[in-house]
Amino acid sequence: MEKNQIPSYPVQPPPYPSQPMQYPSNVVIQPVINQRNFLGKDPSYITCPSCRAQVLTNISHETGLGTWLIAGGICFVGCALGCCLIPFCVDSCKDVKHYCPSCNVLIGTRELLS
């Protein structure tokens, strides 16, 4: 073997650390999503904050401030007394409340005026 020649035996990679990296077990990473933006007039797929299940919400339409203001506006304009009751019969004039079908907790409300 000559003096400037590189030896032909295999080169070993550096050894790995003897212990794997330890991660803290009490750290919980959870993305924060403003779920209010996802609640509309129709049922929404959402993660329930109570039972943590991925669900399609149940909705109910309930009379709210917007319904009363629409009825008052109809009365103010001078329509007949019966016409001012129409907003109480139309779902699009009411607030929408979203409930979890698993645990029946109120997840959120979409108000007519918001």
PDB file of N, CA and C in Angstrom:
ATOM      1  N   MET A   1       0.839  -1.162   0.000  1.00  0.00           N
ATOM      2  CA  MET A   1       0.000   0.000   0.000  1.00  0.00           C
ATOM      3  C   MET A   1       0.887   1.228   0.000  1.00  0.00           C
ATOM      4  N   GLU A   2       0.525   2.170  -0.841  1.00  0.00           N
ATOM      5  CA  GLU A   2       1.330   3.379  -0.940  1.00  0.00           C
ATOM      6  C   GLU A   2       0.982   4.333   0.193  1.00  0.00           C
ATOM      7  N   LYS A   3       1.833   5.340   0.420  1.00  0.00           N
ATOM      8  CA  LYS A   3       1.646   6.255   1.536  1.00  0.00           C
ATOM      9  C   LYS A   3       0.457   7.194   1.345  1.00  0.00           C
ATOM     10  N   ASN A   4       0.135   7.616   0.139  1.00  0.00           N
ATOM     11  CA  ASN A   4      -0.946   8.584  -0.100  1.00  0.00           C
ATOM     12  C   ASN A   4      -2.276   7.920  -0.464  1.00  0.00           C
ATOM     13  N   GLN A   5      -2.359   6.638  -0.441  1.00  0.00           N
ATOM     14  CA  GLN A   5      -3.575   5.941  -0.828  1.00  0.00           C
ATOM     15  C   GLN A   5      -4.519   5.823   0.374  1.00  0.00           C
ATOM     16  N   ILE A   6      -5.832   5.993   0.122  1.00  0.00           N
ATOM     17  CA  ILE A   6      -6.852   5.916   1.164  1.00  0.00           C
ATOM     18  C   ILE A   6      -7.144   4.449   1.433  1.00  0.00           C
ATOM     19  N   PRO A   7      -7.259   4.051   2.689  1.00  0.00           N
ATOM     20  CA  PRO A   7      -7.549   2.649   2.968  1.00  0.00           C
ATOM     21  C   PRO A   7      -8.928   2.251   2.437  1.00  0.00           C
ATOM     22  N   SER A   8      -9.106   1.022   2.076  1.00  0.00           N
ATOM     23  CA  SER A   8     -10.340   0.555   1.438  1.00  0.00           C
ATOM     24  C   SER A   8     -11.335  -0.064   2.410  1.00  0.00           C
ATOM     25  N   TYR A   9     -11.069  -0.057   3.691  1.00  0.00           N
ATOM     26  CA  TYR A   9     -12.017  -0.649   4.630  1.00  0.00           C
ATOM     27  C   TYR A   9     -13.219   0.291   4.809  1.00  0.00           C
ATOM     28  N   PRO A  10     -14.414  -0.225   5.131  1.00  0.00           N
ATOM     29  CA  PRO A  10     -15.625   0.609   5.225  1.00  0.00           C
ATOM     30  C   PRO A  10     -15.538   1.613   6.382  1.00  0.00           C
ATOM     31  N   VAL A  11     -16.085   2.789   6.112  1.00  0.00           N
ATOM     32  CA  VAL A  11     -16.120   3.837   7.130  1.00  0.00           C
ATOM     33  C   VAL A  11     -17.437   3.710   7.880  1.00  0.00           C
ATOM     34  N   GLN A  12     -17.381   3.681   9.182  1.00  0.00           N
ATOM     35  CA  GLN A  12     -18.574   3.518  10.007  1.00  0.00           C
ATOM     36  C   GLN A  12     -19.243   4.878  10.237  1.00  0.00           C
ATOM     37  N   PRO A  13     -20.585   4.927  10.195  1.00  0.00           N
ATOM     38  CA  PRO A  13     -21.275   6.189  10.505  1.00  0.00           C
ATOM     39  C   PRO A  13     -21.114   6.518  11.990  1.00  0.00           C
ATOM     40  N   PRO A  14     -21.310   7.779  12.332  1.00  0.00           N
ATOM     41  CA  PRO A  14     -21.193   8.131  13.747  1.00  0.00           C
ATOM     42  C   PRO A  14     -22.279   7.414  14.554  1.00  0.00           C
ATOM     43  N   PRO A  15     -21.993   7.082  15.788  1.00  0.00           N
ATOM     44  CA  PRO A  15     -22.980   6.348  16.597  1.00  0.00           C
ATOM     45  C   PRO A  15     -24.187   7.228  16.939  1.00  0.00           C
ATOM     46  N   TYR A  16     -25.361   6.593  17.060  1.00  0.00           N
ATOM     47  CA  TYR A  16     -26.574   7.302  17.456  1.00  0.00           C
ATOM     48  C   TYR A  16     -26.543   7.547  18.963  1.00  0.00           C
ATOM     49  N   PRO A  17     -27.300   8.554  19.426  1.00  0.00           N
ATOM     50  CA  PRO A  17     -27.352   8.765  20.875  1.00  0.00           C
ATOM     51  C   PRO A  17     -27.893   7.519  21.572  1.00  0.00           C
ATOM     52  N   SER A  18     -27.433   7.284  22.755  1.00  0.00           N
ATOM     53  CA  SER A  18     -27.823   6.064  23.458  1.00  0.00           C
ATOM     54  C   SER A  18     -29.286   6.071  23.882  1.00  0.00           C
ATOM     55  N   GLN A  19     -29.881   7.253  24.130  1.00  0.00           N
ATOM     56  CA  GLN A  19     -31.284   7.337  24.526  1.00  0.00           C
ATOM     57  C   GLN A  19     -32.040   8.193  23.520  1.00  0.00           C
ATOM     58  N   PRO A  20     -33.254   7.792  23.187  1.00  0.00           N
ATOM     59  CA  PRO A  20     -34.043   8.635  22.297  1.00  0.00           C
ATOM     60  C   PRO A  20     -34.443   9.932  23.003  1.00  0.00           C
ATOM     61  N   MET A  21     -34.804  10.930  22.193  1.00  0.00           N
ATOM     62  CA  MET A  21     -35.211  12.211  22.778  1.00  0.00           C
ATOM     63  C   MET A  21     -36.469  12.030  23.599  1.00  0.00           C
ATOM     64  N   GLN A  22     -36.508  12.657  24.737  1.00  0.00           N
ATOM     65  CA  GLN A  22     -37.661  12.582  25.617  1.00  0.00           C
ATOM     66  C   GLN A  22     -38.542  13.811  25.383  1.00  0.00           C
ATOM     67  N   TYR A  23     -39.815  13.580  25.083  1.00  0.00           N
ATOM     68  CA  TYR A  23     -40.760  14.664  24.906  1.00  0.00           C
ATOM     69  C   TYR A  23     -41.620  14.763  26.163  1.00  0.00           C
ATOM     70  N   PRO A  24     -41.977  15.986  26.554  1.00  0.00           N
ATOM     71  CA  PRO A  24     -42.834  16.122  27.738  1.00  0.00           C
ATOM     72  C   PRO A  24     -44.193  15.472  27.470  1.00  0.00           C
ATOM     73  N   SER A  25     -44.685  14.730  28.433  1.00  0.00           N
ATOM     74  CA  SER A  25     -45.945  14.012  28.238  1.00  0.00           C
ATOM     75  C   SER A  25     -47.165  14.840  28.621  1.00  0.00           C
ATOM     76  N   ASN A  26     -46.995  15.981  29.266  1.00  0.00           N
ATOM     77  CA  ASN A  26     -48.139  16.761  29.722  1.00  0.00           C
ATOM     78  C   ASN A  26     -48.443  17.947  28.814  1.00  0.00           C
ATOM     79  N   VAL A  27     -47.814  18.047  27.656  1.00  0.00           N
ATOM     80  CA  VAL A  27     -48.064  19.150  26.744  1.00  0.00           C
ATOM     81  C   VAL A  27     -49.130  18.730  25.740  1.00  0.00           C
ATOM     82  N   VAL A  28     -50.180  19.529  25.622  1.00  0.00           N
ATOM     83  CA  VAL A  28     -51.255  19.263  24.682  1.00  0.00           C
ATOM     84  C   VAL A  28     -51.273  20.412  23.686  1.00  0.00           C
ATOM     85  N   ILE A  29     -51.157  20.084  22.420  1.00  0.00           N
ATOM     86  CA  ILE A  29     -51.209  21.098  21.365  1.00  0.00           C
ATOM     87  C   ILE A  29     -52.556  20.962  20.694  1.00  0.00           C
ATOM     88  N   GLN A  30     -53.328  22.030  20.753  1.00  0.00           N
ATOM     89  CA  GLN A  30     -54.659  22.011  20.169  1.00  0.00           C
ATOM     90  C   GLN A  30     -54.840  23.287  19.366  1.00  0.00           C
ATOM     91  N   PRO A  31     -55.186  23.168  18.080  1.00  0.00           N
ATOM     92  CA  PRO A  31     -55.397  24.379  17.294  1.00  0.00           C
ATOM     93  C   PRO A  31     -56.640  25.116  17.783  1.00  0.00           C
ATOM     94  N   VAL A  32     -56.565  26.420  17.765  1.00  0.00           N
ATOM     95  CA  VAL A  32     -57.692  27.242  18.181  1.00  0.00           C
ATOM     96  C   VAL A  32     -58.390  27.726  16.924  1.00  0.00           C
ATOM     97  N   ILE A  33     -59.638  27.352  16.797  1.00  0.00           N
ATOM     98  CA  ILE A  33     -60.431  27.733  15.638  1.00  0.00           C
ATOM     99  C   ILE A  33     -61.635  28.506  16.137  1.00  0.00           C
ATOM    100  N   ASN A  34     -61.873  29.642  15.533  1.00  0.00           N
ATOM    101  CA  ASN A  34     -63.045  30.418  15.893  1.00  0.00           C
ATOM    102  C   ASN A  34     -64.249  29.755  15.236  1.00  0.00           C
ATOM    103  N   GLN A  35     -64.945  28.900  15.993  1.00  0.00           N
ATOM    104  CA  GLN A  35     -66.031  28.119  15.424  1.00  0.00           C
ATOM    105  C   GLN A  35     -67.244  28.971  15.103  1.00  0.00           C
ATOM    106  N   ARG A  36     -67.325  30.143  15.666  1.00  0.00           N
ATOM    107  CA  ARG A  36     -68.470  31.000  15.384  1.00  0.00           C
ATOM    108  C   ARG A  36     -68.569  31.302  13.895  1.00  0.00           C
ATOM    109  N   ASN A  37     -67.430  31.384  13.205  1.00  0.00           N
ATOM    110  CA  ASN A  37     -67.441  31.676  11.774  1.00  0.00           C
ATOM    111  C   ASN A  37     -68.055  30.544  10.962  1.00  0.00           C
ATOM    112  N   PHE A  38     -68.035  29.324  11.489  1.00  0.00           N
ATOM    113  CA  PHE A  38     -68.516  28.185  10.750  1.00  0.00           C
ATOM    114  C   PHE A  38     -69.994  27.897  10.995  1.00  0.00           C
ATOM    115  N   LEU A  39     -70.598  28.555  11.955  1.00  0.00           N
ATOM    116  CA  LEU A  39     -72.004  28.300  12.259  1.00  0.00           C
ATOM    117  C   LEU A  39     -72.866  29.201  11.396  1.00  0.00           C
ATOM    118  N   GLY A  40     -73.653  28.597  10.545  1.00  0.00           N
ATOM    119  CA  GLY A  40     -74.504  29.357   9.649  1.00  0.00           C
ATOM    120  C   GLY A  40     -75.955  28.992   9.847  1.00  0.00           C
ATOM    121  N   LYS A  41     -76.729  29.191   8.791  1.00  0.00           N
ATOM    122  CA  LYS A  41     -78.156  28.894   8.874  1.00  0.00           C
ATOM    123  C   LYS A  41     -78.444  27.411   8.654  1.00  0.00           C
ATOM    124  N   ASP A  42     -77.444  26.660   8.173  1.00  0.00           N
ATOM    125  CA  ASP A  42     -77.584  25.226   7.927  1.00  0.00           C
ATOM    126  C   ASP A  42     -76.754  24.443   8.935  1.00  0.00           C
ATOM    127  N   PRO A  43     -77.049  23.141   9.121  1.00  0.00           N
ATOM    128  CA  PRO A  43     -76.215  22.317  10.010  1.00  0.00           C
ATOM    129  C   PRO A  43     -74.762  22.337   9.544  1.00  0.00           C
ATOM    130  N   SER A  44     -73.818  22.308  10.490  1.00  0.00           N
ATOM    131  CA  SER A  44     -72.394  22.407  10.181  1.00  0.00           C
ATOM    132  C   SER A  44     -71.644  21.224  10.773  1.00  0.00           C
ATOM    133  N   TYR A  45     -70.591  20.777  10.070  1.00  0.00           N
ATOM    134  CA  TYR A  45     -69.668  19.792  10.637  1.00  0.00           C
ATOM    135  C   TYR A  45     -68.715  20.532  11.550  1.00  0.00           C
ATOM    136  N   ILE A  46     -68.615  20.082  12.785  1.00  0.00           N
ATOM    137  CA  ILE A  46     -67.839  20.809  13.779  1.00  0.00           C
ATOM    138  C   ILE A  46     -67.407  19.837  14.875  1.00  0.00           C
ATOM    139  N   THR A  47     -66.366  20.195  15.597  1.00  0.00           N
ATOM    140  CA  THR A  47     -65.945  19.411  16.758  1.00  0.00           C
ATOM    141  C   THR A  47     -66.626  19.983  17.986  1.00  0.00           C
ATOM    142  N   CYS A  48     -67.383  19.153  18.673  1.00  0.00           N
ATOM    143  CA  CYS A  48     -68.109  19.601  19.858  1.00  0.00           C
ATOM    144  C   CYS A  48     -67.113  19.953  20.959  1.00  0.00           C
ATOM    145  N   PRO A  49     -67.204  21.153  21.535  1.00  0.00           N
ATOM    146  CA  PRO A  49     -66.278  21.527  22.601  1.00  0.00           C
ATOM    147  C   PRO A  49     -66.524  20.750  23.896  1.00  0.00           C
ATOM    148  N   SER A  50     -67.679  20.121  24.034  1.00  0.00           N
ATOM    149  CA  SER A  50     -67.997  19.391  25.254  1.00  0.00           C
ATOM    150  C   SER A  50     -67.521  17.940  25.199  1.00  0.00           C
ATOM    151  N   CYS A  51     -67.951  17.209  24.161  1.00  0.00           N
ATOM    152  CA  CYS A  51     -67.610  15.775  24.080  1.00  0.00           C
ATOM    153  C   CYS A  51     -66.485  15.482  23.092  1.00  0.00           C
ATOM    154  N   ARG A  52     -65.997  16.487  22.392  1.00  0.00           N
ATOM    155  CA  ARG A  52     -64.877  16.378  21.447  1.00  0.00           C
ATOM    156  C   ARG A  52     -65.171  15.448  20.268  1.00  0.00           C
ATOM    157  N   ALA A  53     -66.434  15.240  19.955  1.00  0.00           N
ATOM    158  CA  ALA A  53     -66.805  14.400  18.814  1.00  0.00           C
ATOM    159  C   ALA A  53     -66.957  15.279  17.571  1.00  0.00           C
ATOM    160  N   GLN A  54     -66.592  14.731  16.426  1.00  0.00           N
ATOM    161  CA  GLN A  54     -66.793  15.417  15.155  1.00  0.00           C
ATOM    162  C   GLN A  54     -68.223  15.122  14.718  1.00  0.00           C
ATOM    163  N   VAL A  55     -69.081  16.145  14.695  1.00  0.00           N
ATOM    164  CA  VAL A  55     -70.510  15.919  14.482  1.00  0.00           C
ATOM    165  C   VAL A  55     -71.076  16.896  13.456  1.00  0.00           C
ATOM    166  N   LEU A  56     -72.245  16.551  12.940  1.00  0.00           N
ATOM    167  CA  LEU A  56     -73.065  17.450  12.143  1.00  0.00           C
ATOM    168  C   LEU A  56     -74.123  17.991  13.093  1.00  0.00           C
ATOM    169  N   THR A  57     -74.128  19.298  13.318  1.00  0.00           N
ATOM    170  CA  THR A  57     -74.977  19.878  14.350  1.00  0.00           C
ATOM    171  C   THR A  57     -76.457  19.736  14.028  1.00  0.00           C
ATOM    172  N   ASN A  58     -77.258  19.630  15.077  1.00  0.00           N
ATOM    173  CA  ASN A  58     -78.709  19.742  14.975  1.00  0.00           C
ATOM    174  C   ASN A  58     -79.033  21.214  15.153  1.00  0.00           C
ATOM    175  N   ILE A  59     -79.984  21.714  14.391  1.00  0.00           N
ATOM    176  CA  ILE A  59     -80.325  23.134  14.502  1.00  0.00           C
ATOM    177  C   ILE A  59     -81.774  23.302  14.930  1.00  0.00           C
ATOM    178  N   SER A  60     -82.029  24.443  15.578  1.00  0.00           N
ATOM    179  CA  SER A  60     -83.405  24.837  15.877  1.00  0.00           C
ATOM    180  C   SER A  60     -83.513  26.334  15.613  1.00  0.00           C
ATOM    181  N   HIS A  61     -84.657  26.730  15.123  1.00  0.00           N
ATOM    182  CA  HIS A  61     -84.921  28.144  14.827  1.00  0.00           C
ATOM    183  C   HIS A  61     -85.726  28.717  15.979  1.00  0.00           C
ATOM    184  N   GLU A  62     -85.224  29.824  16.551  1.00  0.00           N
ATOM    185  CA  GLU A  62     -85.896  30.436  17.695  1.00  0.00           C
ATOM    186  C   GLU A  62     -86.028  31.937  17.494  1.00  0.00           C
ATOM    187  N   THR A  63     -87.102  32.470  18.012  1.00  0.00           N
ATOM    188  CA  THR A  63     -87.363  33.901  17.920  1.00  0.00           C
ATOM    189  C   THR A  63     -86.310  34.673  18.693  1.00  0.00           C
ATOM    190  N   GLY A  64     -85.766  35.699  18.045  1.00  0.00           N
ATOM    191  CA  GLY A  64     -84.753  36.521  18.687  1.00  0.00           C
ATOM    192  C   GLY A  64     -85.044  37.996  18.487  1.00  0.00           C
ATOM    193  N   LEU A  65     -84.082  38.820  18.833  1.00  0.00           N
ATOM    194  CA  LEU A  65     -84.239  40.268  18.724  1.00  0.00           C
ATOM    195  C   LEU A  65     -84.503  40.697  17.285  1.00  0.00           C
ATOM    196  N   GLY A  66     -83.822  40.061  16.338  1.00  0.00           N
ATOM    197  CA  GLY A  66     -84.020  40.401  14.930  1.00  0.00           C
ATOM    198  C   GLY A  66     -85.445  40.164  14.470  1.00  0.00           C
ATOM    199  N   THR A  67     -86.048  39.087  14.944  1.00  0.00           N
ATOM    200  CA  THR A  67     -87.433  38.778  14.585  1.00  0.00           C
ATOM    201  C   THR A  67     -88.370  39.867  15.086  1.00  0.00           C
ATOM    202  N   TRP A  68     -88.159  40.303  16.331  1.00  0.00           N
ATOM    203  CA  TRP A  68     -88.992  41.350  16.904  1.00  0.00           C
ATOM    204  C   TRP A  68     -88.788  42.682  16.179  1.00  0.00           C
ATOM    205  N   LEU A  69     -87.560  42.986  15.787  1.00  0.00           N
ATOM    206  CA  LEU A  69     -87.305  44.241  15.072  1.00  0.00           C
ATOM    207  C   LEU A  69     -87.945  44.249  13.689  1.00  0.00           C
ATOM    208  N   ILE A  70     -87.910  43.119  13.001  1.00  0.00           N
ATOM    209  CA  ILE A  70     -88.569  43.034  11.691  1.00  0.00           C
ATOM    210  C   ILE A  70     -90.077  43.222  11.853  1.00  0.00           C
ATOM    211  N   ALA A  71     -90.655  42.548  12.851  1.00  0.00           N
ATOM    212  CA  ALA A  71     -92.098  42.696  13.088  1.00  0.00           C
ATOM    213  C   ALA A  71     -92.441  44.129  13.450  1.00  0.00           C
ATOM    214  N   GLY A  72     -91.609  44.760  14.288  1.00  0.00           N
ATOM    215  CA  GLY A  72     -91.851  46.159  14.643  1.00  0.00           C
ATOM    216  C   GLY A  72     -91.727  47.088  13.445  1.00  0.00           C
ATOM    217  N   GLY A  73     -90.762  46.792  12.568  1.00  0.00           N
ATOM    218  CA  GLY A  73     -90.604  47.602  11.350  1.00  0.00           C
ATOM    219  C   GLY A  73     -91.799  47.483  10.436  1.00  0.00           C
ATOM    220  N   ILE A  74     -92.364  46.296  10.327  1.00  0.00           N
ATOM    221  CA  ILE A  74     -93.567  46.104   9.497  1.00  0.00           C
ATOM    222  C   ILE A  74     -94.732  46.888  10.087  1.00  0.00           C
ATOM    223  N   CYS A  75     -94.873  46.854  11.417  1.00  0.00           N
ATOM    224  CA  CYS A  75     -95.948  47.633  12.056  1.00  0.00           C
ATOM    225  C   CYS A  75     -95.728  49.131  11.875  1.00  0.00           C
ATOM    226  N   PHE A  76     -94.476  49.558  11.961  1.00  0.00           N
ATOM    227  CA  PHE A  76     -94.157  50.985  11.831  1.00  0.00           C
ATOM    228  C   PHE A  76     -94.475  51.502  10.432  1.00  0.00           C
ATOM    229  N   VAL A  77     -94.237  50.669   9.421  1.00  0.00           N
ATOM    230  CA  VAL A  77     -94.520  51.065   8.047  1.00  0.00           C
ATOM    231  C   VAL A  77     -96.026  51.196   7.848  1.00  0.00           C
ATOM    232  N   GLY A  78     -96.815  50.512   8.642  1.00  0.00           N
ATOM    233  CA  GLY A  78     -98.262  50.680   8.575  1.00  0.00           C
ATOM    234  C   GLY A  78     -98.995  49.538   7.929  1.00  0.00           C
ATOM    235  N   CYS A  79     -98.356  48.391   7.814  1.00  0.00           N
ATOM    236  CA  CYS A  79     -99.063  47.247   7.244  1.00  0.00           C
ATOM    237  C   CYS A  79    -100.113  46.765   8.238  1.00  0.00           C
ATOM    238  N   ALA A  80    -100.999  45.938   7.746  1.00  0.00           N
ATOM    239  CA  ALA A  80    -102.064  45.415   8.589  1.00  0.00           C
ATOM    240  C   ALA A  80    -101.471  44.632   9.763  1.00  0.00           C
ATOM    241  N   LEU A  81    -102.237  44.528  10.825  1.00  0.00           N
ATOM    242  CA  LEU A  81    -101.775  43.875  12.047  1.00  0.00           C
ATOM    243  C   LEU A  81    -101.323  42.436  11.792  1.00  0.00           C
ATOM    244  N   GLY A  82    -101.985  41.720  10.929  1.00  0.00           N
ATOM    245  CA  GLY A  82    -101.631  40.326  10.649  1.00  0.00           C
ATOM    246  C   GLY A  82    -100.293  40.196   9.935  1.00  0.00           C
ATOM    247  N   CYS A  83     -99.910  41.183   9.140  1.00  0.00           N
ATOM    248  CA  CYS A  83     -98.642  41.104   8.393  1.00  0.00           C
ATOM    249  C   CYS A  83     -97.430  41.159   9.316  1.00  0.00           C
ATOM    250  N   CYS A  84     -97.542  41.824  10.441  1.00  0.00           N
ATOM    251  CA  CYS A  84     -96.387  41.940  11.335  1.00  0.00           C
ATOM    252  C   CYS A  84     -96.085  40.620  12.035  1.00  0.00           C
ATOM    253  N   LEU A  85     -96.979  39.634  11.944  1.00  0.00           N
ATOM    254  CA  LEU A  85     -96.742  38.325  12.546  1.00  0.00           C
ATOM    255  C   LEU A  85     -95.990  37.374  11.618  1.00  0.00           C
ATOM    256  N   ILE A  86     -95.806  37.753  10.358  1.00  0.00           N
ATOM    257  CA  ILE A  86     -95.136  36.884   9.387  1.00  0.00           C
ATOM    258  C   ILE A  86     -93.709  36.517   9.821  1.00  0.00           C
ATOM    259  N   PRO A  87     -92.883  37.448  10.338  1.00  0.00           N
ATOM    260  CA  PRO A  87     -91.516  37.062  10.732  1.00  0.00           C
ATOM    261  C   PRO A  87     -91.462  35.951  11.787  1.00  0.00           C
ATOM    262  N   PHE A  88     -92.507  35.784  12.572  1.00  0.00           N
ATOM    263  CA  PHE A  88     -92.538  34.730  13.586  1.00  0.00           C
ATOM    264  C   PHE A  88     -92.821  33.354  12.978  1.00  0.00           C
ATOM    265  N   CYS A  89     -93.236  33.324  11.702  1.00  0.00           N
ATOM    266  CA  CYS A  89     -93.528  32.067  11.014  1.00  0.00           C
ATOM    267  C   CYS A  89     -92.454  31.681   9.999  1.00  0.00           C
ATOM    268  N   VAL A  90     -91.523  32.580   9.712  1.00  0.00           N
ATOM    269  CA  VAL A  90     -90.499  32.348   8.691  1.00  0.00           C
ATOM    270  C   VAL A  90     -89.170  32.047   9.383  1.00  0.00           C
ATOM    271  N   ASP A  91     -88.584  30.875   9.076  1.00  0.00           N
ATOM    272  CA  ASP A  91     -87.330  30.469   9.724  1.00  0.00           C
ATOM    273  C   ASP A  91     -86.167  31.397   9.402  1.00  0.00           C
ATOM    274  N   SER A  92     -86.144  31.991   8.213  1.00  0.00           N
ATOM    275  CA  SER A  92     -85.023  32.863   7.855  1.00  0.00           C
ATOM    276  C   SER A  92     -85.031  34.177   8.638  1.00  0.00           C
ATOM    277  N   CYS A  93     -86.116  34.462   9.359  1.00  0.00           N
ATOM    278  CA  CYS A  93     -86.186  35.661  10.206  1.00  0.00           C
ATOM    279  C   CYS A  93     -85.887  35.338  11.672  1.00  0.00           C
ATOM    280  N   LYS A  94     -85.437  34.134  11.944  1.00  0.00           N
ATOM    281  CA  LYS A  94     -85.188  33.715  13.322  1.00  0.00           C
ATOM    282  C   LYS A  94     -83.707  33.405  13.540  1.00  0.00           C
ATOM    283  N   ASP A  95     -83.301  33.331  14.797  1.00  0.00           N
ATOM    284  CA  ASP A  95     -81.953  32.922  15.164  1.00  0.00           C
ATOM    285  C   ASP A  95     -81.835  31.407  14.998  1.00  0.00           C
ATOM    286  N   VAL A  96     -80.626  30.934  14.669  1.00  0.00           N
ATOM    287  CA  VAL A  96     -80.380  29.496  14.508  1.00  0.00           C
ATOM    288  C   VAL A  96     -79.462  29.043  15.633  1.00  0.00           C
ATOM    289  N   LYS A  97     -79.909  28.063  16.403  1.00  0.00           N
ATOM    290  CA  LYS A  97     -79.103  27.507  17.487  1.00  0.00           C
ATOM    291  C   LYS A  97     -78.595  26.135  17.060  1.00  0.00           C
ATOM    292  N   HIS A  98     -77.270  25.910  17.242  1.00  0.00           N
ATOM    293  CA  HIS A  98     -76.620  24.659  16.857  1.00  0.00           C
ATOM    294  C   HIS A  98     -76.374  23.818  18.106  1.00  0.00           C
ATOM    295  N   TYR A  99     -76.839  22.567  18.075  1.00  0.00           N
ATOM    296  CA  TYR A  99     -76.685  21.641  19.192  1.00  0.00           C
ATOM    297  C   TYR A  99     -75.891  20.423  18.743  1.00  0.00           C
ATOM    298  N   CYS A 100     -75.134  19.836  19.673  1.00  0.00           N
ATOM    299  CA  CYS A 100     -74.410  18.589  19.417  1.00  0.00           C
ATOM    300  C   CYS A 100     -75.411  17.439  19.485  1.00  0.00           C
ATOM    301  N   PRO A 101     -75.454  16.560  18.457  1.00  0.00           N
ATOM    302  CA  PRO A 101     -76.388  15.424  18.514  1.00  0.00           C
ATOM    303  C   PRO A 101     -75.952  14.344  19.511  1.00  0.00           C
ATOM    304  N   SER A 102     -74.679  14.342  19.905  1.00  0.00           N
ATOM    305  CA  SER A 102     -74.195  13.320  20.839  1.00  0.00           C
ATOM    306  C   SER A 102     -74.532  13.651  22.283  1.00  0.00           C
ATOM    307  N   CYS A 103     -74.236  14.903  22.700  1.00  0.00           N
ATOM    308  CA  CYS A 103     -74.417  15.255  24.113  1.00  0.00           C
ATOM    309  C   CYS A 103     -75.461  16.356  24.329  1.00  0.00           C
ATOM    310  N   ASN A 104     -76.113  16.817  23.265  1.00  0.00           N
ATOM    311  CA  ASN A 104     -77.180  17.823  23.311  1.00  0.00           C
ATOM    312  C   ASN A 104     -76.765  19.144  23.949  1.00  0.00           C
ATOM    313  N   VAL A 105     -75.491  19.503  23.852  1.00  0.00           N
ATOM    314  CA  VAL A 105     -75.001  20.770  24.380  1.00  0.00           C
ATOM    315  C   VAL A 105     -75.149  21.836  23.297  1.00  0.00           C
ATOM    316  N   LEU A 106     -75.527  23.039  23.693  1.00  0.00           N
ATOM    317  CA  LEU A 106     -75.599  24.161  22.766  1.00  0.00           C
ATOM    318  C   LEU A 106     -74.179  24.543  22.368  1.00  0.00           C
ATOM    319  N   ILE A 107     -73.855  24.422  21.072  1.00  0.00           N
ATOM    320  CA  ILE A 107     -72.520  24.733  20.587  1.00  0.00           C
ATOM    321  C   ILE A 107     -72.414  26.211  20.262  1.00  0.00           C
ATOM    322  N   GLY A 108     -73.439  26.774  19.671  1.00  0.00           N
ATOM    323  CA  GLY A 108     -73.400  28.187  19.330  1.00  0.00           C
ATOM    324  C   GLY A 108     -74.686  28.647  18.691  1.00  0.00           C
ATOM    325  N   THR A 109     -74.786  29.950  18.528  1.00  0.00           N
ATOM    326  CA  THR A 109     -75.984  30.561  17.951  1.00  0.00           C
ATOM    327  C   THR A 109     -75.595  31.488  16.821  1.00  0.00           C
ATOM    328  N   ARG A 110     -76.317  31.391  15.720  1.00  0.00           N
ATOM    329  CA  ARG A 110     -76.172  32.360  14.639  1.00  0.00           C
ATOM    330  C   ARG A 110     -77.360  33.295  14.750  1.00  0.00           C
ATOM    331  N   GLU A 111     -77.052  34.527  15.148  1.00  0.00           N
ATOM    332  CA  GLU A 111     -78.114  35.496  15.332  1.00  0.00           C
ATOM    333  C   GLU A 111     -78.414  36.192  14.010  1.00  0.00           C
ATOM    334  N   LEU A 112     -79.644  36.581  13.829  1.00  0.00           N
ATOM    335  CA  LEU A 112     -80.081  37.223  12.605  1.00  0.00           C
ATOM    336  C   LEU A 112     -79.350  38.537  12.381  1.00  0.00           C
ATOM    337  N   LEU A 113     -79.063  39.265  13.434  1.00  0.00           N
ATOM    338  CA  LEU A 113     -78.455  40.601  13.313  1.00  0.00           C
ATOM    339  C   LEU A 113     -76.930  40.588  13.288  1.00  0.00           C
ATOM    340  N   SER A 114     -76.297  39.435  13.451  1.00  0.00           N
ATOM    341  CA  SER A 114     -74.815  39.439  13.484  1.00  0.00           C
ATOM    342  C   SER A 114     -74.212  39.183  12.134  1.00  0.00           C
TER     343      SER A 114
END
